[in-house]
Amino acid sequence: MSVNKEKQLRPSSFFKYLFLILGCLVIAAPLYVTIITAFKTREESTVNFFSFPSQFYLGNFREIIEKQNYFRYLGNTVIITVCSLILMALVIPSLSYALSRNMRRSKFYRFSYIYLVIGLFVPFQVVMIPLVKIASSFHMSNIWGLIVLNLVFALRDGVFLFVAYMDSVPRELEESAFIDGAGVVQTYIQIVFPLVKPMTATIMILNGLSVWNDFMLPLLLLNKSKDSWTLQLFQYNFKTTYSFDYNLAFASFLLSMLPVMVVYVFAQKYIIQGLTTGAVKG
């Protein structure tokens, strides 16, 4: 019987491993092309685009750093990402706390929650043109306007996840704080906010990667001035009317990946803890 069971399991195991191998190839192939192209000269890429470089040529990285104002665009991206995450960490949990504790007895809070959650079902392409017009009329076509819009778009899924997670926080703790004379703000800061740190970490991780890699919003708001470019716009503008410098572009891709990889190496423990703990309510 055991031999027959092993024989029956083998075909499923084979297809399982085959699927995993194909998935690894789909991920590894573009990464391989990016790395070898970044370390090749233009002449080598012209001869064979997929061949391994004869030597590790660092001139592409040197040209980007020295001649392309790379650190200006890196600084813009860091400012946008850090400021966006700080606003998200301050606004989303506090707003979700107010909605969670009041929407069952107040129509205003219930309507506000439903209004925010409905945004999850509205594609970005629908609001893209009105967004550009509104941002232009309010003089928000700049870095600080982009930071505010990042917060606005993060409110949709952030509030949805946080309100559900807030329900798992025992209300007896808040009632005890109220009896001891604490106000709502003090109770939230000292009791509720520390308890929702796992979900806060989850939201910041997901939105941090999204903001760092975002292309469409910076393209709509920041492409008018070179001084406001992010790394993604910097990479996009390697393309000219008649050509595209793949070597410089792929070198810039690796440079833009480097800060995220460094952060992941040093914060891997907290990232995994935030994702796993924040994924389960209760």
C-alpha atoms as a PDB file:
ATOM      1  CA  MET A   1       0.000   0.000   0.000  1.00  0.00           C
ATOM      2  CA  SER A   2       2.796   2.452   0.904  1.00  0.00           C
ATOM      3  CA  VAL A   3       4.553   1.766  -2.414  1.00  0.00           C
ATOM      4  CA  ASN A   4       1.371   2.521  -4.335  1.00  0.00           C
ATOM      5  CA  LYS A   5       0.875   5.748  -2.392  1.00  0.00           C
ATOM      6  CA  GLU A   6       4.435   6.830  -3.200  1.00  0.00           C
ATOM      7  CA  LYS A   7       3.846   6.101  -6.880  1.00  0.00           C
ATOM      8  CA  GLN A   8       0.633   8.126  -6.793  1.00  0.00           C
ATOM      9  CA  LEU A   9       2.384  11.069  -5.157  1.00  0.00           C
ATOM     10  CA  ARG A  10       5.304  11.158  -7.554  1.00  0.00           C
ATOM     11  CA  PRO A  11       3.485  12.761 -10.543  1.00  0.00           C
ATOM     12  CA  SER A  12       2.082  15.547  -8.337  1.00  0.00           C
ATOM     13  CA  SER A  13       5.497  16.126  -6.778  1.00  0.00           C
ATOM     14  CA  PHE A  14       7.086  16.252 -10.221  1.00  0.00           C
ATOM     15  CA  PHE A  15       4.700  18.943 -11.440  1.00  0.00           C
ATOM     16  CA  LYS A  16       5.087  20.830  -8.170  1.00  0.00           C
ATOM     17  CA  TYR A  17       8.873  21.003  -8.533  1.00  0.00           C
ATOM     18  CA  LEU A  18       8.555  21.766 -12.242  1.00  0.00           C
ATOM     19  CA  PHE A  19       6.282  24.701 -11.443  1.00  0.00           C
ATOM     20  CA  LEU A  20       8.736  25.983  -8.801  1.00  0.00           C
ATOM     21  CA  ILE A  21      11.672  25.691 -11.212  1.00  0.00           C
ATOM     22  CA  LEU A  22       9.787  27.569 -13.928  1.00  0.00           C
ATOM     23  CA  GLY A  23       8.869  30.261 -11.398  1.00  0.00           C
ATOM     24  CA  CYS A  24      12.512  30.644 -10.368  1.00  0.00           C
ATOM     25  CA  LEU A  25      13.552  30.956 -14.015  1.00  0.00           C
ATOM     26  CA  VAL A  26      10.932  33.633 -14.665  1.00  0.00           C
ATOM     27  CA  ILE A  27      12.358  35.655 -11.761  1.00  0.00           C
ATOM     28  CA  ALA A  28      16.040  34.889 -12.360  1.00  0.00           C
ATOM     29  CA  ALA A  29      16.149  35.520 -16.126  1.00  0.00           C
ATOM     30  CA  PRO A  30      15.374  39.287 -16.017  1.00  0.00           C
ATOM     31  CA  LEU A  31      17.707  39.690 -13.029  1.00  0.00           C
ATOM     32  CA  TYR A  32      20.490  37.931 -14.947  1.00  0.00           C
ATOM     33  CA  VAL A  33      20.012  40.212 -17.970  1.00  0.00           C
ATOM     34  CA  THR A  34      20.014  43.289 -15.737  1.00  0.00           C
ATOM     35  CA  ILE A  35      23.248  42.341 -13.976  1.00  0.00           C
ATOM     36  CA  ILE A  36      25.270  41.288 -17.034  1.00  0.00           C
ATOM     37  CA  THR A  37      24.136  44.288 -19.073  1.00  0.00           C
ATOM     38  CA  ALA A  38      25.068  46.714 -16.308  1.00  0.00           C
ATOM     39  CA  PHE A  39      28.631  45.337 -16.258  1.00  0.00           C
ATOM     40  CA  LYS A  40      29.127  45.289 -20.054  1.00  0.00           C
ATOM     41  CA  THR A  41      30.279  47.930 -22.506  1.00  0.00           C
ATOM     42  CA  ARG A  42      27.988  49.095 -25.299  1.00  0.00           C
ATOM     43  CA  GLU A  43      30.111  47.207 -27.827  1.00  0.00           C
ATOM     44  CA  GLU A  44      29.708  43.922 -25.948  1.00  0.00           C
ATOM     45  CA  SER A  45      25.950  44.390 -25.688  1.00  0.00           C
ATOM     46  CA  THR A  46      25.749  45.059 -29.423  1.00  0.00           C
ATOM     47  CA  VAL A  47      27.609  41.835 -30.257  1.00  0.00           C
ATOM     48  CA  ASN A  48      25.590  39.571 -27.920  1.00  0.00           C
ATOM     49  CA  PHE A  49      23.001  41.005 -25.575  1.00  0.00           C
ATOM     50  CA  PHE A  50      22.681  37.826 -23.448  1.00  0.00           C
ATOM     51  CA  SER A  51      26.348  36.831 -23.188  1.00  0.00           C
ATOM     52  CA  PHE A  52      28.324  37.034 -19.954  1.00  0.00           C
ATOM     53  CA  PRO A  53      30.679  40.069 -19.838  1.00  0.00           C
ATOM     54  CA  SER A  54      34.341  39.403 -20.648  1.00  0.00           C
ATOM     55  CA  GLN A  55      35.261  41.632 -17.700  1.00  0.00           C
ATOM     56  CA  PHE A  56      33.279  43.538 -15.085  1.00  0.00           C
ATOM     57  CA  TYR A  57      33.136  47.017 -16.588  1.00  0.00           C
ATOM     58  CA  LEU A  58      32.333  49.698 -13.962  1.00  0.00           C
ATOM     59  CA  GLY A  59      32.240  52.644 -16.356  1.00  0.00           C
ATOM     60  CA  ASN A  60      28.427  52.606 -16.538  1.00  0.00           C
ATOM     61  CA  PHE A  61      28.110  53.086 -12.775  1.00  0.00           C
ATOM     62  CA  ARG A  62      30.803  55.760 -12.782  1.00  0.00           C
ATOM     63  CA  GLU A  63      29.062  57.673 -15.569  1.00  0.00           C
ATOM     64  CA  ILE A  64      25.725  57.606 -13.777  1.00  0.00           C
ATOM     65  CA  ILE A  65      27.130  58.785 -10.450  1.00  0.00           C
ATOM     66  CA  GLU A  66      29.461  61.458 -11.852  1.00  0.00           C
ATOM     67  CA  LYS A  67      27.543  62.911 -14.796  1.00  0.00           C
ATOM     68  CA  GLN A  68      23.835  62.218 -14.363  1.00  0.00           C
ATOM     69  CA  ASN A  69      22.989  63.983 -11.039  1.00  0.00           C
ATOM     70  CA  TYR A  70      22.213  60.573  -9.599  1.00  0.00           C
ATOM     71  CA  PHE A  71      22.409  61.645  -5.944  1.00  0.00           C
ATOM     72  CA  ARG A  72      19.888  64.458  -6.521  1.00  0.00           C
ATOM     73  CA  TYR A  73      17.328  61.945  -7.794  1.00  0.00           C
ATOM     74  CA  LEU A  74      18.225  59.491  -5.046  1.00  0.00           C
ATOM     75  CA  GLY A  75      17.676  62.250  -2.474  1.00  0.00           C
ATOM     76  CA  ASN A  76      14.283  63.113  -3.972  1.00  0.00           C
ATOM     77  CA  THR A  77      13.216  59.462  -3.799  1.00  0.00           C
ATOM     78  CA  VAL A  78      14.405  59.106  -0.204  1.00  0.00           C
ATOM     79  CA  ILE A  79      12.594  62.294   0.866  1.00  0.00           C
ATOM     80  CA  ILE A  80       9.351  61.191  -0.796  1.00  0.00           C
ATOM     81  CA  THR A  81       9.515  57.687   0.668  1.00  0.00           C
ATOM     82  CA  VAL A  82      10.490  58.662   4.225  1.00  0.00           C
ATOM     83  CA  CYS A  83       8.035  61.573   4.512  1.00  0.00           C
ATOM     84  CA  SER A  84       5.208  59.478   3.031  1.00  0.00           C
ATOM     85  CA  LEU A  85       5.837  56.666   5.522  1.00  0.00           C
ATOM     86  CA  ILE A  86       5.972  59.063   8.487  1.00  0.00           C
ATOM     87  CA  LEU A  87       2.606  60.542   7.491  1.00  0.00           C
ATOM     88  CA  MET A  88       1.135  57.063   6.993  1.00  0.00           C
ATOM     89  CA  ALA A  89       2.353  55.909  10.422  1.00  0.00           C
ATOM     90  CA  LEU A  90       0.786  58.977  12.066  1.00  0.00           C
ATOM     91  CA  VAL A  91      -2.483  59.352  10.154  1.00  0.00           C
ATOM     92  CA  ILE A  92      -3.671  55.846   9.198  1.00  0.00           C
ATOM     93  CA  PRO A  93      -3.675  54.229  12.690  1.00  0.00           C
ATOM     94  CA  SER A  94      -5.231  57.268  14.388  1.00  0.00           C
ATOM     95  CA  LEU A  95      -7.927  57.640  11.724  1.00  0.00           C
ATOM     96  CA  SER A  96      -8.652  53.908  11.853  1.00  0.00           C
ATOM     97  CA  TYR A  97      -8.938  54.066  15.649  1.00  0.00           C
ATOM     98  CA  ALA A  98     -11.525  56.836  15.426  1.00  0.00           C
ATOM     99  CA  LEU A  99     -13.510  54.933  12.790  1.00  0.00           C
ATOM    100  CA  SER A 100     -13.300  51.611  14.620  1.00  0.00           C
ATOM    101  CA  ARG A 101     -14.569  53.001  17.901  1.00  0.00           C
ATOM    102  CA  ASN A 102     -17.314  55.260  16.540  1.00  0.00           C
ATOM    103  CA  MET A 103     -18.741  53.935  13.266  1.00  0.00           C
ATOM    104  CA  ARG A 104     -21.155  51.517  14.959  1.00  0.00           C
ATOM    105  CA  ARG A 105     -22.960  54.371  16.694  1.00  0.00           C
ATOM    106  CA  SER A 106     -22.387  57.217  14.227  1.00  0.00           C
ATOM    107  CA  LYS A 107     -23.583  57.424  10.629  1.00  0.00           C
ATOM    108  CA  PHE A 108     -20.898  59.974   9.808  1.00  0.00           C
ATOM    109  CA  TYR A 109     -18.055  57.623  10.788  1.00  0.00           C
ATOM    110  CA  ARG A 110     -19.758  54.695   9.051  1.00  0.00           C
ATOM    111  CA  PHE A 111     -20.137  56.699   5.858  1.00  0.00           C
ATOM    112  CA  SER A 112     -16.510  57.842   6.078  1.00  0.00           C
ATOM    113  CA  TYR A 113     -15.303  54.247   6.399  1.00  0.00           C
ATOM    114  CA  ILE A 114     -17.416  53.046   3.464  1.00  0.00           C
ATOM    115  CA  TYR A 115     -16.293  56.014   1.356  1.00  0.00           C
ATOM    116  CA  LEU A 116     -12.628  55.184   1.944  1.00  0.00           C
ATOM    117  CA  VAL A 117     -13.043  51.454   1.330  1.00  0.00           C
ATOM    118  CA  ILE A 118     -14.910  52.048  -1.950  1.00  0.00           C
ATOM    119  CA  GLY A 119     -11.670  53.563  -3.233  1.00  0.00           C
ATOM    120  CA  LEU A 120     -10.209  50.038  -3.338  1.00  0.00           C
ATOM    121  CA  PHE A 121     -12.507  49.238  -6.257  1.00  0.00           C
ATOM    122  CA  VAL A 122     -11.711  52.349  -8.306  1.00  0.00           C
ATOM    123  CA  PRO A 123      -8.837  51.780 -10.797  1.00  0.00           C
ATOM    124  CA  PHE A 124      -6.106  54.385 -10.860  1.00  0.00           C
ATOM    125  CA  GLN A 125      -6.701  54.993 -14.577  1.00  0.00           C
ATOM    126  CA  VAL A 126     -10.194  56.314 -13.767  1.00  0.00           C
ATOM    127  CA  VAL A 127      -8.918  59.066 -11.456  1.00  0.00           C
ATOM    128  CA  MET A 128      -5.681  59.782 -13.321  1.00  0.00           C
ATOM    129  CA  ILE A 129      -6.838  62.721 -15.465  1.00  0.00           C
ATOM    130  CA  PRO A 130      -8.964  64.413 -12.742  1.00  0.00           C
ATOM    131  CA  LEU A 131      -6.050  63.911 -10.355  1.00  0.00           C
ATOM    132  CA  VAL A 132      -3.659  65.803 -12.624  1.00  0.00           C
ATOM    133  CA  LYS A 133      -6.112  68.684 -13.034  1.00  0.00           C
ATOM    134  CA  ILE A 134      -6.817  68.969  -9.308  1.00  0.00           C
ATOM    135  CA  ALA A 135      -3.122  68.740  -8.409  1.00  0.00           C
ATOM    136  CA  SER A 136      -2.303  71.440 -10.938  1.00  0.00           C
ATOM    137  CA  SER A 137      -5.057  73.779  -9.715  1.00  0.00           C
ATOM    138  CA  PHE A 138      -3.900  73.380  -6.082  1.00  0.00           C
ATOM    139  CA  HIS A 139      -0.214  73.800  -7.046  1.00  0.00           C
ATOM    140  CA  MET A 140       0.572  70.260  -5.893  1.00  0.00           C
ATOM    141  CA  SER A 141       2.621  69.206  -8.915  1.00  0.00           C
ATOM    142  CA  ASN A 142       5.744  68.929  -6.805  1.00  0.00           C
ATOM    143  CA  ILE A 143       7.447  66.628  -4.324  1.00  0.00           C
ATOM    144  CA  TRP A 144       5.290  67.683  -1.359  1.00  0.00           C
ATOM    145  CA  GLY A 145       2.104  67.257  -3.364  1.00  0.00           C
ATOM    146  CA  LEU A 146       3.240  63.761  -4.299  1.00  0.00           C
ATOM    147  CA  ILE A 147       3.832  62.945  -0.627  1.00  0.00           C
ATOM    148  CA  VAL A 148       0.264  63.989   0.229  1.00  0.00           C
ATOM    149  CA  LEU A 149      -1.154  61.913  -2.627  1.00  0.00           C
ATOM    150  CA  ASN A 150       0.851  58.879  -1.505  1.00  0.00           C
ATOM    151  CA  LEU A 151      -0.849  59.211   1.868  1.00  0.00           C
ATOM    152  CA  VAL A 152      -4.272  59.570   0.242  1.00  0.00           C
ATOM    153  CA  PHE A 153      -3.855  56.414  -1.846  1.00  0.00           C
ATOM    154  CA  ALA A 154      -2.494  54.492   1.153  1.00  0.00           C
ATOM    155  CA  LEU A 155      -5.581  55.377   3.209  1.00  0.00           C
ATOM    156  CA  ARG A 156      -7.799  53.002   1.216  1.00  0.00           C
ATOM    157  CA  ASP A 157      -6.228  49.648   2.033  1.00  0.00           C
ATOM    158  CA  GLY A 158      -4.592  50.960   5.217  1.00  0.00           C
ATOM    159  CA  VAL A 159      -7.888  51.915   6.864  1.00  0.00           C
ATOM    160  CA  PHE A 160      -9.525  48.696   5.660  1.00  0.00           C
ATOM    161  CA  LEU A 161      -6.828  46.553   7.307  1.00  0.00           C
ATOM    162  CA  PHE A 162      -6.431  48.668  10.431  1.00  0.00           C
ATOM    163  CA  VAL A 163     -10.125  48.895  11.318  1.00  0.00           C
ATOM    164  CA  ALA A 164     -10.385  45.107  11.235  1.00  0.00           C
ATOM    165  CA  TYR A 165      -7.205  44.796  13.286  1.00  0.00           C
ATOM    166  CA  MET A 166      -8.368  47.405  15.828  1.00  0.00           C
ATOM    167  CA  ASP A 167     -11.353  45.202  16.657  1.00  0.00           C
ATOM    168  CA  SER A 168      -8.934  42.622  18.082  1.00  0.00           C
ATOM    169  CA  VAL A 169      -7.611  45.113  20.651  1.00  0.00           C
ATOM    170  CA  PRO A 170      -9.400  44.440  23.989  1.00  0.00           C
ATOM    171  CA  ARG A 171     -11.617  47.384  24.827  1.00  0.00           C
ATOM    172  CA  GLU A 172     -11.309  46.596  28.526  1.00  0.00           C
ATOM    173  CA  LEU A 173      -7.799  48.096  28.408  1.00  0.00           C
ATOM    174  CA  GLU A 174      -9.199  51.385  27.142  1.00  0.00           C
ATOM    175  CA  GLU A 175     -12.004  51.370  29.696  1.00  0.00           C
ATOM    176  CA  SER A 176      -9.463  50.857  32.485  1.00  0.00           C
ATOM    177  CA  ALA A 177      -7.444  53.805  31.190  1.00  0.00           C
ATOM    178  CA  PHE A 178     -10.572  55.991  31.083  1.00  0.00           C
ATOM    179  CA  ILE A 179     -11.410  55.028  34.677  1.00  0.00           C
ATOM    180  CA  ASP A 180      -7.874  56.046  35.721  1.00  0.00           C
ATOM    181  CA  GLY A 181      -8.448  59.475  34.207  1.00  0.00           C
ATOM    182  CA  ALA A 182      -6.707  59.119  30.839  1.00  0.00           C
ATOM    183  CA  GLY A 183      -8.161  60.938  27.852  1.00  0.00           C
ATOM    184  CA  VAL A 184      -8.794  59.522  24.394  1.00  0.00           C
ATOM    185  CA  VAL A 185      -5.514  60.813  22.954  1.00  0.00           C
ATOM    186  CA  GLN A 186      -3.457  59.557  25.896  1.00  0.00           C
ATOM    187  CA  THR A 187      -5.168  56.156  25.742  1.00  0.00           C
ATOM    188  CA  TYR A 188      -4.498  55.844  22.048  1.00  0.00           C
ATOM    189  CA  ILE A 189      -0.810  56.836  22.323  1.00  0.00           C
ATOM    190  CA  GLN A 190       0.066  54.786  25.399  1.00  0.00           C
ATOM    191  CA  ILE A 191      -2.162  51.715  25.009  1.00  0.00           C
ATOM    192  CA  VAL A 192      -3.677  51.233  21.563  1.00  0.00           C
ATOM    193  CA  PHE A 193      -0.836  52.341  19.283  1.00  0.00           C
ATOM    194  CA  PRO A 194       1.787  50.004  20.843  1.00  0.00           C
ATOM    195  CA  LEU A 195      -0.617  47.083  20.412  1.00  0.00           C
ATOM    196  CA  VAL A 196      -1.066  47.718  16.677  1.00  0.00           C
ATOM    197  CA  LYS A 197       2.645  48.040  15.900  1.00  0.00           C
ATOM    198  CA  PRO A 198       2.686  44.743  13.901  1.00  0.00           C
ATOM    199  CA  MET A 199       0.024  46.055  11.536  1.00  0.00           C
ATOM    200  CA  THR A 200       1.784  49.427  11.367  1.00  0.00           C
ATOM    201  CA  ALA A 201       4.982  47.640  10.343  1.00  0.00           C
ATOM    202  CA  THR A 202       3.083  45.663   7.694  1.00  0.00           C
ATOM    203  CA  ILE A 203       1.501  48.779   6.200  1.00  0.00           C
ATOM    204  CA  MET A 204       4.814  50.660   6.162  1.00  0.00           C
ATOM    205  CA  ILE A 205       6.656  47.760   4.519  1.00  0.00           C
ATOM    206  CA  LEU A 206       4.096  47.310   1.751  1.00  0.00           C
ATOM    207  CA  ASN A 207       3.674  51.032   1.096  1.00  0.00           C
ATOM    208  CA  GLY A 208       7.393  51.728   1.423  1.00  0.00           C
ATOM    209  CA  LEU A 209       8.178  49.370  -1.459  1.00  0.00           C
ATOM    210  CA  SER A 210       5.267  50.781  -3.444  1.00  0.00           C
ATOM    211  CA  VAL A 211       6.331  54.419  -2.982  1.00  0.00           C
ATOM    212  CA  TRP A 212      10.015  53.688  -3.684  1.00  0.00           C
ATOM    213  CA  ASN A 213       9.192  51.878  -6.928  1.00  0.00           C
ATOM    214  CA  ASP A 214       6.293  54.099  -7.996  1.00  0.00           C
ATOM    215  CA  PHE A 215       6.490  55.414 -11.542  1.00  0.00           C
ATOM    216  CA  MET A 216       3.051  56.627 -12.616  1.00  0.00           C
ATOM    217  CA  LEU A 217       2.413  59.299  -9.973  1.00  0.00           C
ATOM    218  CA  PRO A 218       5.900  60.864 -10.312  1.00  0.00           C
ATOM    219  CA  LEU A 219       5.478  60.796 -14.093  1.00  0.00           C
ATOM    220  CA  LEU A 220       2.209  62.723 -13.828  1.00  0.00           C
ATOM    221  CA  LEU A 221       3.359  65.272 -11.243  1.00  0.00           C
ATOM    222  CA  LEU A 222       7.146  65.635 -11.409  1.00  0.00           C
ATOM    223  CA  ASN A 223       8.174  65.151 -15.033  1.00  0.00           C
ATOM    224  CA  LYS A 224       8.054  68.892 -15.834  1.00  0.00           C
ATOM    225  CA  SER A 225      11.267  69.710 -13.976  1.00  0.00           C
ATOM    226  CA  LYS A 226      14.480  67.697 -13.867  1.00  0.00           C
ATOM    227  CA  ASP A 227      15.184  68.876 -10.342  1.00  0.00           C
ATOM    228  CA  SER A 228      12.123  66.990  -9.060  1.00  0.00           C
ATOM    229  CA  TRP A 229      12.805  63.660 -10.772  1.00  0.00           C
ATOM    230  CA  THR A 230      12.812  60.441  -8.774  1.00  0.00           C
ATOM    231  CA  LEU A 231      15.018  57.463  -9.603  1.00  0.00           C
ATOM    232  CA  GLN A 232      12.222  55.945 -11.677  1.00  0.00           C
ATOM    233  CA  LEU A 233      11.858  59.064 -13.829  1.00  0.00           C
ATOM    234  CA  PHE A 234      15.643  59.228 -14.119  1.00  0.00           C
ATOM    235  CA  GLN A 235      15.664  55.682 -15.486  1.00  0.00           C
ATOM    236  CA  TYR A 236      12.702  56.341 -17.768  1.00  0.00           C
ATOM    237  CA  ASN A 237      14.428  59.315 -19.377  1.00  0.00           C
ATOM    238  CA  PHE A 238      17.353  57.212 -20.586  1.00  0.00           C
ATOM    239  CA  LYS A 239      15.021  56.638 -23.520  1.00  0.00           C
ATOM    240  CA  THR A 240      15.333  59.193 -26.305  1.00  0.00           C
ATOM    241  CA  THR A 241      13.415  59.552 -29.546  1.00  0.00           C
ATOM    242  CA  TYR A 242      15.741  57.237 -31.474  1.00  0.00           C
ATOM    243  CA  SER A 243      17.611  55.107 -28.945  1.00  0.00           C
ATOM    244  CA  PHE A 244      17.723  53.635 -25.454  1.00  0.00           C
ATOM    245  CA  ASP A 245      20.983  53.209 -23.534  1.00  0.00           C
ATOM    246  CA  TYR A 246      20.442  49.781 -21.996  1.00  0.00           C
ATOM    247  CA  ASN A 247      23.818  49.647 -20.253  1.00  0.00           C
ATOM    248  CA  LEU A 248      23.290  52.883 -18.314  1.00  0.00           C
ATOM    249  CA  ALA A 249      19.645  52.040 -17.658  1.00  0.00           C
ATOM    250  CA  PHE A 250      20.375  48.613 -16.194  1.00  0.00           C
ATOM    251  CA  ALA A 251      23.252  50.044 -14.132  1.00  0.00           C
ATOM    252  CA  SER A 252      20.818  52.590 -12.695  1.00  0.00           C
ATOM    253  CA  PHE A 253      18.352  49.757 -11.967  1.00  0.00           C
ATOM    254  CA  LEU A 254      20.980  48.009  -9.846  1.00  0.00           C
ATOM    255  CA  LEU A 255      21.852  51.237  -8.045  1.00  0.00           C
ATOM    256  CA  SER A 256      18.184  51.890  -7.245  1.00  0.00           C
ATOM    257  CA  MET A 257      17.826  48.330  -5.922  1.00  0.00           C
ATOM    258  CA  LEU A 258      20.850  48.704  -3.641  1.00  0.00           C
ATOM    259  CA  PRO A 259      19.256  50.900  -0.885  1.00  0.00           C
ATOM    260  CA  VAL A 260      16.243  48.578  -0.635  1.00  0.00           C
ATOM    261  CA  MET A 261      18.511  45.525  -0.389  1.00  0.00           C
ATOM    262  CA  VAL A 262      20.619  47.185   2.332  1.00  0.00           C
ATOM    263  CA  VAL A 263      17.499  48.067   4.337  1.00  0.00           C
ATOM    264  CA  TYR A 264      16.222  44.505   3.934  1.00  0.00           C
ATOM    265  CA  VAL A 265      19.505  42.977   5.161  1.00  0.00           C
ATOM    266  CA  PHE A 266      19.548  45.050   8.349  1.00  0.00           C
ATOM    267  CA  ALA A 267      15.778  44.988   9.003  1.00  0.00           C
ATOM    268  CA  GLN A 268      14.982  41.456   7.813  1.00  0.00           C
ATOM    269  CA  LYS A 269      13.972  40.286  11.286  1.00  0.00           C
ATOM    270  CA  TYR A 270      11.508  43.139  11.805  1.00  0.00           C
ATOM    271  CA  ILE A 271      10.105  42.905   8.273  1.00  0.00           C
ATOM    272  CA  ILE A 272       9.289  39.208   8.605  1.00  0.00           C
ATOM    273  CA  GLN A 273       7.891  39.719  12.113  1.00  0.00           C
ATOM    274  CA  GLY A 274       5.680  42.566  10.911  1.00  0.00           C
ATOM    275  CA  LEU A 275       4.351  40.632   7.945  1.00  0.00           C
ATOM    276  CA  THR A 276       3.648  37.397   9.847  1.00  0.00           C
ATOM    277  CA  THR A 277       2.244  38.973  13.003  1.00  0.00           C
ATOM    278  CA  GLY A 278       0.209  41.583  11.171  1.00  0.00           C
ATOM    279  CA  ALA A 279      -1.278  38.969   8.868  1.00  0.00           C
ATOM    280  CA  VAL A 280      -3.216  37.288  11.685  1.00  0.00           C
ATOM    281  CA  LYS A 281      -5.800  39.117  13.723  1.00  0.00           C
ATOM    282  CA  GLY A 282      -6.195  38.368  17.379  1.00  0.00           C
END
